[in-house]
Amino acid sequence: ERERVATVSNSGTTSYRDSIKGRFTISKDNAKNTLYLQ
C-alpha cells in the first residue's frame, strides 16, 4: 500500500514516519516552488 513518508505544512511543521526519522529530511525552497527529500 502507498504510505506517507514525510510532509511539511504551511507553517513549516514537518512530520516523518518512524522508520525514516533521523535518515530523511524534507524541505522546501519557496523561491523555486520546489520540494526536496534528502
Full PDB file with SEQRES, HELIX, SHEET, SSBOND, CRYST1, ORIGX, SCALE, CONECT and MASTER records, all heavy atoms in Angstrom:
SEQRES   1 A   38  GLU ARG GLU ARG VAL ALA THR VAL SER ASN SER GLY THR          
SEQRES   2 A   38  THR SER TYR ARG ASP SER ILE LYS GLY ARG PHE THR ILE          
SEQRES   3 A   38  SER LYS ASP ASN ALA LYS ASN THR LEU TYR LEU GLN              
HELIX    1 AA1 ASP A   18  ILE A   20  5                                   3    
SHEET    1 AA1 2 ALA A   6  VAL A   8  0                                        
SHEET    2 AA1 2 THR A  14  TYR A  16 -1                                        
SHEET    1 AA2 2 ILE A  26  ASP A  29  0                                        
SHEET    2 AA2 2 THR A  34  LEU A  37 -1                                        
CRYST1    1.000    1.000    1.000  90.00  90.00  90.00 P 1           1          
ORIGX1      1.000000  0.000000  0.000000        0.00000                         
ORIGX2      0.000000  1.000000  0.000000        0.00000                         
ORIGX3      0.000000  0.000000  1.000000        0.00000                         
SCALE1      1.000000  0.000000  0.000000        0.00000                         
SCALE2      0.000000  1.000000  0.000000        0.00000                         
SCALE3      0.000000  0.000000  1.000000        0.00000                         
ATOM      1  N   GLU A   1       0.828  -1.195   0.000  1.00  0.00           N  
ATOM      2  CA  GLU A   1       0.000   0.000   0.000  1.00  0.00           C  
ATOM      3  C   GLU A   1       0.870   1.257   0.000  1.00  0.00           C  
ATOM      4  O   GLU A   1       1.961   1.281   0.566  1.00  0.00           O  
ATOM      5  CB  GLU A   1      -0.909  -0.028   1.229  1.00  0.00           C  
ATOM      6  CG  GLU A   1      -2.002   1.011   1.240  1.00  0.00           C  
ATOM      7  CD  GLU A   1      -2.925   0.834   2.425  1.00  0.00           C  
ATOM      8  OE1 GLU A   1      -2.520   1.203   3.546  1.00  0.00           O  
ATOM      9  OE2 GLU A   1      -4.033   0.307   2.229  1.00  0.00           O  
ATOM     10  N   ARG A   2       0.383   2.310  -0.632  1.00  0.00           N  
ATOM     11  CA  ARG A   2       1.084   3.584  -0.604  1.00  0.00           C  
ATOM     12  C   ARG A   2       1.144   4.111   0.829  1.00  0.00           C  
ATOM     13  O   ARG A   2       0.156   4.027   1.569  1.00  0.00           O  
ATOM     14  CB  ARG A   2       0.377   4.597  -1.507  1.00  0.00           C  
ATOM     15  CG  ARG A   2       1.109   5.919  -1.648  1.00  0.00           C  
ATOM     16  CD  ARG A   2       0.365   6.849  -2.595  1.00  0.00           C  
ATOM     17  NE  ARG A   2      -0.933   7.223  -2.065  1.00  0.00           N  
ATOM     18  CZ  ARG A   2      -1.907   7.767  -2.784  1.00  0.00           C  
ATOM     19  NH1 ARG A   2      -1.731   7.967  -4.079  1.00  0.00           N  
ATOM     20  NH2 ARG A   2      -3.057   8.085  -2.210  1.00  0.00           N  
ATOM     21  N   GLU A   3       2.292   4.646   1.220  1.00  0.00           N  
ATOM     22  CA  GLU A   3       2.459   5.132   2.577  1.00  0.00           C  
ATOM     23  C   GLU A   3       3.072   6.529   2.590  1.00  0.00           C  
ATOM     24  O   GLU A   3       3.842   6.897   1.704  1.00  0.00           O  
ATOM     25  CB  GLU A   3       3.321   4.177   3.407  1.00  0.00           C  
ATOM     26  CG  GLU A   3       4.750   4.022   2.912  1.00  0.00           C  
ATOM     27  CD  GLU A   3       5.537   2.997   3.701  1.00  0.00           C  
ATOM     28  OE1 GLU A   3       4.913   2.153   4.370  1.00  0.00           O  
ATOM     29  OE2 GLU A   3       6.782   3.035   3.649  1.00  0.00           O  
ATOM     30  N   ARG A   4       2.712   7.278   3.601  1.00  0.00           N  
ATOM     31  CA  ARG A   4       3.260   8.615   3.782  1.00  0.00           C  
ATOM     32  C   ARG A   4       4.687   8.521   4.286  1.00  0.00           C  
ATOM     33  O   ARG A   4       4.976   7.765   5.212  1.00  0.00           O  
ATOM     34  CB  ARG A   4       2.382   9.400   4.753  1.00  0.00           C  
ATOM     35  CG  ARG A   4       2.917  10.791   5.095  1.00  0.00           C  
ATOM     36  CD  ARG A   4       1.892  11.586   5.903  1.00  0.00           C  
ATOM     37  NE  ARG A   4       1.427  10.854   7.068  1.00  0.00           N  
ATOM     38  CZ  ARG A   4       2.057  10.802   8.237  1.00  0.00           C  
ATOM     39  NH1 ARG A   4       3.209  11.455   8.395  1.00  0.00           N  
ATOM     40  NH2 ARG A   4       1.543  10.108   9.236  1.00  0.00           N  
ATOM     41  N   VAL A   5       5.584   9.295   3.685  1.00  0.00           N  
ATOM     42  CA  VAL A   5       6.979   9.337   4.102  1.00  0.00           C  
ATOM     43  C   VAL A   5       7.237  10.559   4.973  1.00  0.00           C  
ATOM     44  O   VAL A   5       7.725  10.443   6.102  1.00  0.00           O  
ATOM     45  CB  VAL A   5       7.933   9.344   2.888  1.00  0.00           C  
ATOM     46  CG1 VAL A   5       9.386   9.447   3.341  1.00  0.00           C  
ATOM     47  CG2 VAL A   5       7.717   8.095   2.035  1.00  0.00           C  
ATOM     48  N   ALA A   6       6.920  11.734   4.452  1.00  0.00           N  
ATOM     49  CA  ALA A   6       7.155  12.976   5.174  1.00  0.00           C  
ATOM     50  C   ALA A   6       6.300  14.080   4.586  1.00  0.00           C  
ATOM     51  O   ALA A   6       6.002  14.076   3.390  1.00  0.00           O  
ATOM     52  CB  ALA A   6       8.630  13.378   5.123  1.00  0.00           C  
ATOM     53  N   THR A   7       5.911  15.033   5.422  1.00  0.00           N  
ATOM     54  CA  THR A   7       5.131  16.183   4.975  1.00  0.00           C  
ATOM     55  C   THR A   7       5.660  17.444   5.633  1.00  0.00           C  
ATOM     56  O   THR A   7       6.315  17.393   6.670  1.00  0.00           O  
ATOM     57  CB  THR A   7       3.640  16.050   5.313  1.00  0.00           C  
ATOM     58  OG1 THR A   7       3.477  15.928   6.731  1.00  0.00           O  
ATOM     59  CG2 THR A   7       3.025  14.844   4.626  1.00  0.00           C  
ATOM     60  N   VAL A   8       5.364  18.578   5.024  1.00  0.00           N  
ATOM     61  CA  VAL A   8       5.661  19.871   5.618  1.00  0.00           C  
ATOM     62  C   VAL A   8       4.442  20.764   5.421  1.00  0.00           C  
ATOM     63  O   VAL A   8       3.925  20.895   4.307  1.00  0.00           O  
ATOM     64  CB  VAL A   8       6.945  20.503   5.032  1.00  0.00           C  
ATOM     65  CG1 VAL A   8       6.854  20.654   3.517  1.00  0.00           C  
ATOM     66  CG2 VAL A   8       7.237  21.832   5.699  1.00  0.00           C  
ATOM     67  N   SER A   9       3.967  21.366   6.504  1.00  0.00           N  
ATOM     68  CA  SER A   9       2.772  22.193   6.455  1.00  0.00           C  
ATOM     69  C   SER A   9       3.112  23.617   6.036  1.00  0.00           C  
ATOM     70  O   SER A   9       4.276  23.990   5.903  1.00  0.00           O  
ATOM     71  CB  SER A   9       2.086  22.203   7.819  1.00  0.00           C  
ATOM     72  OG  SER A   9       2.839  22.960   8.747  1.00  0.00           O  
ATOM     73  N   ASN A  10       2.065  24.435   5.874  1.00  0.00           N  
ATOM     74  CA  ASN A  10       2.280  25.830   5.504  1.00  0.00           C  
ATOM     75  C   ASN A  10       2.975  26.623   6.605  1.00  0.00           C  
ATOM     76  O   ASN A  10       3.553  27.677   6.335  1.00  0.00           O  
ATOM     77  CB  ASN A  10       0.956  26.486   5.121  1.00  0.00           C  
ATOM     78  CG  ASN A  10      -0.101  26.397   6.206  1.00  0.00           C  
ATOM     79  OD1 ASN A  10       0.112  25.795   7.251  1.00  0.00           O  
ATOM     80  ND2 ASN A  10      -1.254  27.007   5.953  1.00  0.00           N  
ATOM     81  N   SER A  11       2.920  26.133   7.835  1.00  0.00           N  
ATOM     82  CA  SER A  11       3.591  26.781   8.953  1.00  0.00           C  
ATOM     83  C   SER A  11       5.021  26.295   9.134  1.00  0.00           C  
ATOM     84  O   SER A  11       5.739  26.791  10.009  1.00  0.00           O  
ATOM     85  CB  SER A  11       2.807  26.562  10.242  1.00  0.00           C  
ATOM     86  OG  SER A  11       2.795  25.203  10.608  1.00  0.00           O  
ATOM     87  N   GLY A  12       5.439  25.320   8.336  1.00  0.00           N  
ATOM     88  CA  GLY A  12       6.781  24.781   8.431  1.00  0.00           C  
ATOM     89  C   GLY A  12       6.914  23.553   9.299  1.00  0.00           C  
ATOM     90  O   GLY A  12       8.022  23.026   9.449  1.00  0.00           O  
ATOM     91  N   THR A  13       5.819  23.082   9.865  1.00  0.00           N  
ATOM     92  CA  THR A  13       5.844  21.895  10.701  1.00  0.00           C  
ATOM     93  C   THR A  13       6.062  20.652   9.846  1.00  0.00           C  
ATOM     94  O   THR A  13       5.362  20.439   8.864  1.00  0.00           O  
ATOM     95  CB  THR A  13       4.541  21.746  11.490  1.00  0.00           C  
ATOM     96  OG1 THR A  13       4.351  22.896  12.320  1.00  0.00           O  
ATOM     97  CG2 THR A  13       4.581  20.496  12.367  1.00  0.00           C  
ATOM     98  N   THR A  14       7.037  19.845  10.228  1.00  0.00           N  
ATOM     99  CA  THR A  14       7.339  18.628   9.486  1.00  0.00           C  
ATOM    100  C   THR A  14       6.845  17.401  10.227  1.00  0.00           C  
ATOM    101  O   THR A  14       6.725  17.394  11.452  1.00  0.00           O  
ATOM    102  CB  THR A  14       8.844  18.487   9.227  1.00  0.00           C  
ATOM    103  OG1 THR A  14       9.546  18.499  10.473  1.00  0.00           O  
ATOM    104  CG2 THR A  14       9.346  19.627   8.361  1.00  0.00           C  
ATOM    105  N   SER A  15       6.569  16.360   9.467  1.00  0.00           N  
ATOM    106  CA  SER A  15       6.124  15.096  10.025  1.00  0.00           C  
ATOM    107  C   SER A  15       6.798  13.967   9.269  1.00  0.00           C  
ATOM    108  O   SER A  15       6.828  13.982   8.039  1.00  0.00           O  
ATOM    109  CB  SER A  15       4.602  14.971   9.922  1.00  0.00           C  
ATOM    110  OG  SER A  15       4.157  13.720  10.409  1.00  0.00           O  
ATOM    111  N   TYR A  16       7.344  12.993   9.999  1.00  0.00           N  
ATOM    112  CA  TYR A  16       8.038  11.857   9.405  1.00  0.00           C  
ATOM    113  C   TYR A  16       7.493  10.551   9.954  1.00  0.00           C  
ATOM    114  O   TYR A  16       7.131  10.468  11.130  1.00  0.00           O  
ATOM    115  CB  TYR A  16       9.535  11.903   9.726  1.00  0.00           C  
ATOM    116  CG  TYR A  16      10.272  13.112   9.210  1.00  0.00           C  
ATOM    117  CD1 TYR A  16      10.424  14.243  10.000  1.00  0.00           C  
ATOM    118  CD2 TYR A  16      10.834  13.112   7.940  1.00  0.00           C  
ATOM    119  CE1 TYR A  16      11.120  15.355   9.533  1.00  0.00           C  
ATOM    120  CE2 TYR A  16      11.531  14.213   7.466  1.00  0.00           C  
ATOM    121  CZ  TYR A  16      11.670  15.334   8.273  1.00  0.00           C  
ATOM    122  OH  TYR A  16      12.361  16.422   7.799  1.00  0.00           O  
ATOM    123  N   ARG A  17       7.466   9.522   9.112  1.00  0.00           N  
ATOM    124  CA  ARG A  17       7.126   8.222   9.634  1.00  0.00           C  
ATOM    125  C   ARG A  17       8.308   7.714  10.446  1.00  0.00           C  
ATOM    126  O   ARG A  17       9.463   8.061  10.174  1.00  0.00           O  
ATOM    127  CB  ARG A  17       6.727   7.256   8.517  1.00  0.00           C  
ATOM    128  CG  ARG A  17       7.853   6.802   7.618  1.00  0.00           C  
ATOM    129  CD  ARG A  17       7.321   5.848   6.530  1.00  0.00           C  
ATOM    130  NE  ARG A  17       6.674   4.665   7.078  1.00  0.00           N  
ATOM    131  CZ  ARG A  17       5.365   4.464   7.119  1.00  0.00           C  
ATOM    132  NH1 ARG A  17       4.526   5.352   6.602  1.00  0.00           N  
ATOM    133  NH2 ARG A  17       4.879   3.353   7.659  1.00  0.00           N  
ATOM    134  N   ASP A  18       8.045   6.885  11.441  1.00  0.00           N  
ATOM    135  CA  ASP A  18       9.066   6.476  12.392  1.00  0.00           C  
ATOM    136  C   ASP A  18      10.255   5.776  11.737  1.00  0.00           C  
ATOM    137  O   ASP A  18      11.399   5.944  12.177  1.00  0.00           O  
ATOM    138  CB  ASP A  18       8.469   5.562  13.462  1.00  0.00           C  
ATOM    139  CG  ASP A  18       7.566   6.302  14.423  1.00  0.00           C  
ATOM    140  OD1 ASP A  18       7.648   7.537  14.492  1.00  0.00           O  
ATOM    141  OD2 ASP A  18       6.783   5.626  15.118  1.00  0.00           O  
ATOM    142  N   SER A  19      10.010   5.014  10.697  1.00  0.00           N  
ATOM    143  CA  SER A  19      11.063   4.203  10.102  1.00  0.00           C  
ATOM    144  C   SER A  19      12.151   5.012   9.399  1.00  0.00           C  
ATOM    145  O   SER A  19      13.224   4.481   9.123  1.00  0.00           O  
ATOM    146  CB  SER A  19      10.466   3.188   9.123  1.00  0.00           C  
ATOM    147  OG  SER A  19       9.838   3.834   8.036  1.00  0.00           O  
ATOM    148  N   ILE A  20      11.883   6.292   9.116  1.00  0.00           N  
ATOM    149  CA  ILE A  20      12.876   7.100   8.414  1.00  0.00           C  
ATOM    150  C   ILE A  20      13.380   8.286   9.226  1.00  0.00           C  
ATOM    151  O   ILE A  20      14.252   9.026   8.748  1.00  0.00           O  
ATOM    152  CB  ILE A  20      12.354   7.579   7.036  1.00  0.00           C  
ATOM    153  CG1 ILE A  20      11.067   8.388   7.168  1.00  0.00           C  
ATOM    154  CG2 ILE A  20      12.118   6.383   6.120  1.00  0.00           C  
ATOM    155  CD1 ILE A  20      11.298   9.851   7.325  1.00  0.00           C  
ATOM    156  N   LYS A  21      12.878   8.462  10.441  1.00  0.00           N  
ATOM    157  CA  LYS A  21      13.332   9.563  11.285  1.00  0.00           C  
ATOM    158  C   LYS A  21      14.831   9.454  11.535  1.00  0.00           C  
ATOM    159  O   LYS A  21      15.348   8.394  11.857  1.00  0.00           O  
ATOM    160  CB  LYS A  21      12.582   9.572  12.616  1.00  0.00           C  
ATOM    161  CG  LYS A  21      11.168  10.093  12.522  1.00  0.00           C  
ATOM    162  CD  LYS A  21      10.503  10.140  13.890  1.00  0.00           C  
ATOM    163  CE  LYS A  21       9.111  10.733  13.793  1.00  0.00           C  
ATOM    164  NZ  LYS A  21       8.435  10.770  15.110  1.00  0.00           N  
ATOM    165  N   GLY A  22      15.524  10.585  11.374  1.00  0.00           N  
ATOM    166  CA  GLY A  22      16.959  10.611  11.547  1.00  0.00           C  
ATOM    167  C   GLY A  22      17.722  10.297  10.285  1.00  0.00           C  
ATOM    168  O   GLY A  22      18.945  10.489  10.246  1.00  0.00           O  
ATOM    169  N   ARG A  23      17.038   9.813   9.248  1.00  0.00           N  
ATOM    170  CA  ARG A  23      17.681   9.473   7.984  1.00  0.00           C  
ATOM    171  C   ARG A  23      17.242  10.377   6.836  1.00  0.00           C  
ATOM    172  O   ARG A  23      18.043  10.706   5.965  1.00  0.00           O  
ATOM    173  CB  ARG A  23      17.403   8.015   7.605  1.00  0.00           C  
ATOM    174  CG  ARG A  23      17.927   7.006   8.607  1.00  0.00           C  
ATOM    175  CD  ARG A  23      17.866   5.583   8.055  1.00  0.00           C  
ATOM    176  NE  ARG A  23      16.498   5.144   7.780  1.00  0.00           N  
ATOM    177  CZ  ARG A  23      16.047   4.773   6.581  1.00  0.00           C  
ATOM    178  NH1 ARG A  23      16.867   4.782   5.532  1.00  0.00           N  
ATOM    179  NH2 ARG A  23      14.796   4.371   6.437  1.00  0.00           N  
ATOM    180  N   PHE A  24      15.966  10.769   6.824  1.00  0.00           N  
ATOM    181  CA  PHE A  24      15.423  11.600   5.747  1.00  0.00           C  
ATOM    182  C   PHE A  24      15.113  13.001   6.269  1.00  0.00           C  
ATOM    183  O   PHE A  24      14.742  13.176   7.435  1.00  0.00           O  
ATOM    184  CB  PHE A  24      14.123  11.013   5.194  1.00  0.00           C  
ATOM    185  CG  PHE A  24      14.262   9.701   4.467  1.00  0.00           C  
ATOM    186  CD1 PHE A  24      15.459   9.006   4.432  1.00  0.00           C  
ATOM    187  CD2 PHE A  24      13.162   9.165   3.812  1.00  0.00           C  
ATOM    188  CE1 PHE A  24      15.565   7.794   3.761  1.00  0.00           C  
ATOM    189  CE2 PHE A  24      13.250   7.962   3.135  1.00  0.00           C  
ATOM    190  CZ  PHE A  24      14.455   7.275   3.113  1.00  0.00           C  
ATOM    191  N   THR A  25      15.224  13.993   5.386  1.00  0.00           N  
ATOM    192  CA  THR A  25      14.877  15.363   5.720  1.00  0.00           C  
ATOM    193  C   THR A  25      14.062  15.975   4.591  1.00  0.00           C  
ATOM    194  O   THR A  25      14.488  15.949   3.436  1.00  0.00           O  
ATOM    195  CB  THR A  25      16.129  16.224   5.964  1.00  0.00           C  
ATOM    196  OG1 THR A  25      16.913  15.652   7.010  1.00  0.00           O  
ATOM    197  CG2 THR A  25      15.726  17.641   6.366  1.00  0.00           C  
ATOM    198  N   ILE A  26      12.895  16.518   4.925  1.00  0.00           N  
ATOM    199  CA  ILE A  26      12.058  17.188   3.940  1.00  0.00           C  
ATOM    200  C   ILE A  26      12.264  18.692   4.066  1.00  0.00           C  
ATOM    201  O   ILE A  26      12.384  19.225   5.166  1.00  0.00           O  
ATOM    202  CB  ILE A  26      10.571  16.808   4.115  1.00  0.00           C  
ATOM    203  CG1 ILE A  26       9.724  17.364   2.963  1.00  0.00           C  
ATOM    204  CG2 ILE A  26      10.037  17.274   5.466  1.00  0.00           C  
ATOM    205  CD1 ILE A  26       8.291  16.848   2.947  1.00  0.00           C  
ATOM    206  N   SER A  27      12.300  19.382   2.934  1.00  0.00           N  
ATOM    207  CA  SER A  27      12.484  20.825   2.936  1.00  0.00           C  
ATOM    208  C   SER A  27      11.851  21.431   1.695  1.00  0.00           C  
ATOM    209  O   SER A  27      11.584  20.732   0.719  1.00  0.00           O  
ATOM    210  CB  SER A  27      13.968  21.197   3.017  1.00  0.00           C  
ATOM    211  OG  SER A  27      14.671  20.713   1.888  1.00  0.00           O  
ATOM    212  N   LYS A  28      11.620  22.740   1.741  1.00  0.00           N  
ATOM    213  CA  LYS A  28      11.061  23.470   0.607  1.00  0.00           C  
ATOM    214  C   LYS A  28      11.906  24.687   0.287  1.00  0.00           C  
ATOM    215  O   LYS A  28      12.426  25.350   1.180  1.00  0.00           O  
ATOM    216  CB  LYS A  28       9.628  23.936   0.901  1.00  0.00           C  
ATOM    217  CG  LYS A  28       8.580  22.853   0.895  1.00  0.00           C  
ATOM    218  CD  LYS A  28       7.167  23.455   0.895  1.00  0.00           C  
ATOM    219  CE  LYS A  28       6.887  24.249   2.155  1.00  0.00           C  
ATOM    220  NZ  LYS A  28       5.500  24.786   2.169  1.00  0.00           N  
ATOM    221  N   ASP A  29      12.021  24.974  -1.000  1.00  0.00           N  
ATOM    222  CA  ASP A  29      12.625  26.207  -1.483  1.00  0.00           C  
ATOM    223  C   ASP A  29      11.487  27.004  -2.105  1.00  0.00           C  
ATOM    224  O   ASP A  29      11.088  26.746  -3.241  1.00  0.00           O  
ATOM    225  CB  ASP A  29      13.720  25.923  -2.498  1.00  0.00           C  
ATOM    226  CG  ASP A  29      14.444  27.180  -2.946  1.00  0.00           C  
ATOM    227  OD1 ASP A  29      13.856  28.275  -2.892  1.00  0.00           O  
ATOM    228  OD2 ASP A  29      15.620  27.073  -3.358  1.00  0.00           O  
ATOM    229  N   ASN A  30      10.954  27.959  -1.359  1.00  0.00           N  
ATOM    230  CA  ASN A  30       9.784  28.696  -1.819  1.00  0.00           C  
ATOM    231  C   ASN A  30      10.069  29.550  -3.050  1.00  0.00           C  
ATOM    232  O   ASN A  30       9.180  29.754  -3.876  1.00  0.00           O  
ATOM    233  CB  ASN A  30       9.244  29.571  -0.688  1.00  0.00           C  
ATOM    234  CG  ASN A  30       8.649  28.758   0.443  1.00  0.00           C  
ATOM    235  OD1 ASN A  30       8.011  27.731   0.221  1.00  0.00           O  
ATOM    236  ND2 ASN A  30       8.842  29.216   1.671  1.00  0.00           N  
ATOM    237  N   ALA A  31      11.288  30.039  -3.179  1.00  0.00           N  
ATOM    238  CA  ALA A  31      11.642  30.851  -4.336  1.00  0.00           C  
ATOM    239  C   ALA A  31      11.571  30.050  -5.627  1.00  0.00           C  
ATOM    240  O   ALA A  31      11.294  30.599  -6.694  1.00  0.00           O  
ATOM    241  CB  ALA A  31      13.032  31.452  -4.159  1.00  0.00           C  
ATOM    242  N   LYS A  32      11.823  28.748  -5.539  1.00  0.00           N  
ATOM    243  CA  LYS A  32      11.819  27.874  -6.713  1.00  0.00           C  
ATOM    244  C   LYS A  32      10.564  27.009  -6.807  1.00  0.00           C  
ATOM    245  O   LYS A  32      10.430  26.234  -7.753  1.00  0.00           O  
ATOM    246  CB  LYS A  32      13.043  26.968  -6.705  1.00  0.00           C  
ATOM    247  CG  LYS A  32      14.374  27.688  -6.819  1.00  0.00           C  
ATOM    248  CD  LYS A  32      15.523  26.687  -6.831  1.00  0.00           C  
ATOM    249  CE  LYS A  32      16.856  27.376  -6.991  1.00  0.00           C  
ATOM    250  NZ  LYS A  32      17.979  26.392  -7.006  1.00  0.00           N  
ATOM    251  N   ASN A  33       9.660  27.137  -5.840  1.00  0.00           N  
ATOM    252  CA  ASN A  33       8.479  26.267  -5.770  1.00  0.00           C  
ATOM    253  C   ASN A  33       8.884  24.793  -5.850  1.00  0.00           C  
ATOM    254  O   ASN A  33       8.270  24.001  -6.562  1.00  0.00           O  
ATOM    255  CB  ASN A  33       7.486  26.590  -6.886  1.00  0.00           C  
ATOM    256  CG  ASN A  33       6.779  27.917  -6.687  1.00  0.00           C  
ATOM    257  OD1 ASN A  33       6.656  28.405  -5.569  1.00  0.00           O  
ATOM    258  ND2 ASN A  33       6.310  28.501  -7.779  1.00  0.00           N  
ATOM    259  N   THR A  34       9.915  24.440  -5.103  1.00  0.00           N  
ATOM    260  CA  THR A  34      10.475  23.101  -5.179  1.00  0.00           C  
ATOM    261  C   THR A  34      10.542  22.447  -3.807  1.00  0.00           C  
ATOM    262  O   THR A  34      10.971  23.066  -2.834  1.00  0.00           O  
ATOM    263  CB  THR A  34      11.875  23.132  -5.808  1.00  0.00           C  
ATOM    264  OG1 THR A  34      11.793  23.697  -7.118  1.00  0.00           O  
ATOM    265  CG2 THR A  34      12.450  21.735  -5.918  1.00  0.00           C  
ATOM    266  N   LEU A  35      10.126  21.200  -3.752  1.00  0.00           N  
ATOM    267  CA  LEU A  35      10.188  20.373  -2.555  1.00  0.00           C  
ATOM    268  C   LEU A  35      11.338  19.389  -2.689  1.00  0.00           C  
ATOM    269  O   LEU A  35      11.579  18.856  -3.773  1.00  0.00           O  
ATOM    270  CB  LEU A  35       8.873  19.612  -2.379  1.00  0.00           C  
ATOM    271  CG  LEU A  35       8.756  18.685  -1.173  1.00  0.00           C  
ATOM    272  CD1 LEU A  35       8.589  19.499   0.104  1.00  0.00           C  
ATOM    273  CD2 LEU A  35       7.587  17.721  -1.363  1.00  0.00           C  
ATOM    274  N   TYR A  36      12.036  19.123  -1.590  1.00  0.00           N  
ATOM    275  CA  TYR A  36      13.156  18.200  -1.589  1.00  0.00           C  
ATOM    276  C   TYR A  36      12.974  17.119  -0.536  1.00  0.00           C  
ATOM    277  O   TYR A  36      12.304  17.316   0.477  1.00  0.00           O  
ATOM    278  CB  TYR A  36      14.477  18.931  -1.308  1.00  0.00           C  
ATOM    279  CG  TYR A  36      14.815  20.012  -2.295  1.00  0.00           C  
ATOM    280  CD1 TYR A  36      14.536  21.347  -2.009  1.00  0.00           C  
ATOM    281  CD2 TYR A  36      15.411  19.708  -3.513  1.00  0.00           C  
ATOM    282  CE1 TYR A  36      14.847  22.348  -2.914  1.00  0.00           C  
ATOM    283  CE2 TYR A  36      15.722  20.703  -4.422  1.00  0.00           C  
ATOM    284  CZ  TYR A  36      15.440  22.019  -4.114  1.00  0.00           C  
ATOM    285  OH  TYR A  36      15.750  23.008  -5.024  1.00  0.00           O  
ATOM    286  N   LEU A  37      13.595  15.987  -0.782  1.00  0.00           N  
ATOM    287  CA  LEU A  37      13.706  14.932   0.211  1.00  0.00           C  
ATOM    288  C   LEU A  37      15.135  14.421   0.179  1.00  0.00           C  
ATOM    289  O   LEU A  37      15.532  13.743  -0.770  1.00  0.00           O  
ATOM    290  CB  LEU A  37      12.726  13.787  -0.052  1.00  0.00           C  
ATOM    291  CG  LEU A  37      12.708  12.688   1.002  1.00  0.00           C  
ATOM    292  CD1 LEU A  37      12.129  13.226   2.320  1.00  0.00           C  
ATOM    293  CD2 LEU A  37      11.908  11.480   0.535  1.00  0.00           C  
ATOM    294  N   GLN A  38      15.909  14.776   1.199  1.00  0.00           N  
ATOM    295  CA  GLN A  38      17.262  14.273   1.335  1.00  0.00           C  
ATOM    296  C   GLN A  38      17.197  12.936   2.049  1.00  0.00           C  
ATOM    297  O   GLN A  38      16.700  12.857   3.174  1.00  0.00           O  
ATOM    298  CB  GLN A  38      18.126  15.257   2.123  1.00  0.00           C  
ATOM    299  CG  GLN A  38      19.558  14.793   2.348  1.00  0.00           C  
ATOM    300  CD  GLN A  38      20.350  14.680   1.066  1.00  0.00           C  
ATOM    301  OE1 GLN A  38      20.337  15.600   0.255  1.00  0.00           O  
ATOM    302  NE2 GLN A  38      21.027  13.553   0.870  1.00  0.00           N  
TER     303      GLN A  38                                                      
MASTER        0    0    0    1    4    0    0    6  302    1    0    3          
END                                                                             
